[in-house]
């Protein structure tokens, strides 16, 4: 269904329409805003993964410690 969606001619048409709608002065600002949003999303996802890994390590350490206390 979407096989030929992003052909060069299609991208030129999309860029031309964006230029007409937003104008040449707003287009760089729009790109900058989208880029900052993507960067923020990626950093939030990386922070979430880091927190998940820390939580897993903490849970594993707690399980080992409680297991050792039960034996000892």
Protein backbone atom coordinates (compact mmCIF):
# COMPACT_ATOMS: atom_id res chain seq x y z
CA UNK A 1 0.00 0.00 0.00
CA UNK A 2 2.80 2.46 0.90
CA UNK A 3 5.49 1.02 -1.41
CA UNK A 4 6.07 4.07 -3.61
CA UNK A 5 5.07 6.72 -1.10
CA UNK A 6 8.44 8.43 -0.63
CA UNK A 7 9.71 8.75 -4.16
CA UNK A 8 11.80 11.86 -4.92
CA UNK A 9 9.01 13.56 -6.85
CA UNK A 10 6.57 13.03 -3.98
CA UNK A 11 9.03 14.50 -1.50
CA UNK A 12 9.49 17.57 -3.72
CA UNK A 13 5.74 18.08 -3.89
CA UNK A 14 5.43 17.73 -0.09
CA UNK A 15 8.28 20.20 0.43
CA UNK A 16 6.68 22.64 -2.05
CA UNK A 17 3.33 22.46 -0.27
CA UNK A 18 5.01 22.99 3.10
CA UNK A 19 6.82 26.00 1.68
CA UNK A 20 3.53 27.45 0.43
CA UNK A 21 1.67 26.79 3.67
CA UNK A 22 4.30 27.89 6.20
CA UNK A 23 6.38 30.32 4.15
CA UNK A 24 10.15 30.54 3.81
CA UNK A 25 10.66 32.23 7.19
CA UNK A 26 8.61 29.78 9.26
CA UNK A 27 9.96 26.59 7.66
CA UNK A 28 13.40 26.61 9.39
CA UNK A 29 11.74 27.36 12.74
CA UNK A 30 9.33 24.48 12.18
CA UNK A 31 12.21 22.12 11.36
CA UNK A 32 14.12 23.25 14.44
CA UNK A 33 11.09 22.66 16.64
CA UNK A 34 10.51 19.20 15.24
CA UNK A 35 14.20 18.33 15.69
CA UNK A 36 14.18 19.49 19.31
CA UNK A 37 11.05 17.46 19.94
CA UNK A 38 12.61 14.32 18.49
CA UNK A 39 15.80 14.85 20.52
CA UNK A 40 13.75 15.32 23.69
CA UNK A 41 11.78 12.16 23.01
CA UNK A 42 14.94 10.14 22.40
CA UNK A 43 16.58 11.40 25.59
CA UNK A 44 13.45 10.62 27.60
CA UNK A 45 13.36 7.09 26.18
CA UNK A 46 17.07 6.60 26.98
CA UNK A 47 16.49 7.87 30.53
CA UNK A 48 13.55 5.49 30.92
CA UNK A 49 15.67 2.55 29.75
CA UNK A 50 18.44 3.55 32.15
CA UNK A 51 15.95 3.75 35.04
CA UNK A 52 14.50 0.35 34.11
CA UNK A 53 17.98 -1.21 34.07
CA UNK A 54 18.79 0.34 37.46
CA UNK A 55 15.52 -0.97 38.89
CA UNK A 56 16.23 -4.47 37.56
CA UNK A 57 19.73 -4.43 39.07
CA UNK A 58 18.35 -3.22 42.39
CA UNK A 59 15.70 -5.96 42.41
CA UNK A 60 18.31 -8.61 41.59
CA UNK A 61 20.59 -7.36 44.36
CA UNK A 62 17.71 -7.36 46.83
CA UNK A 63 16.77 -10.91 45.86
CA UNK A 64 20.34 -12.12 46.29
CA UNK A 65 20.67 -10.36 49.65
CA UNK A 66 17.39 -11.75 50.98
CA UNK A 67 18.32 -15.22 49.73
CA UNK A 68 21.68 -15.04 51.52
CA UNK A 69 20.02 -13.85 54.73
CA UNK A 70 17.54 -16.73 54.60
CA UNK A 71 20.40 -19.25 54.30
CA UNK A 72 22.69 -17.65 56.87
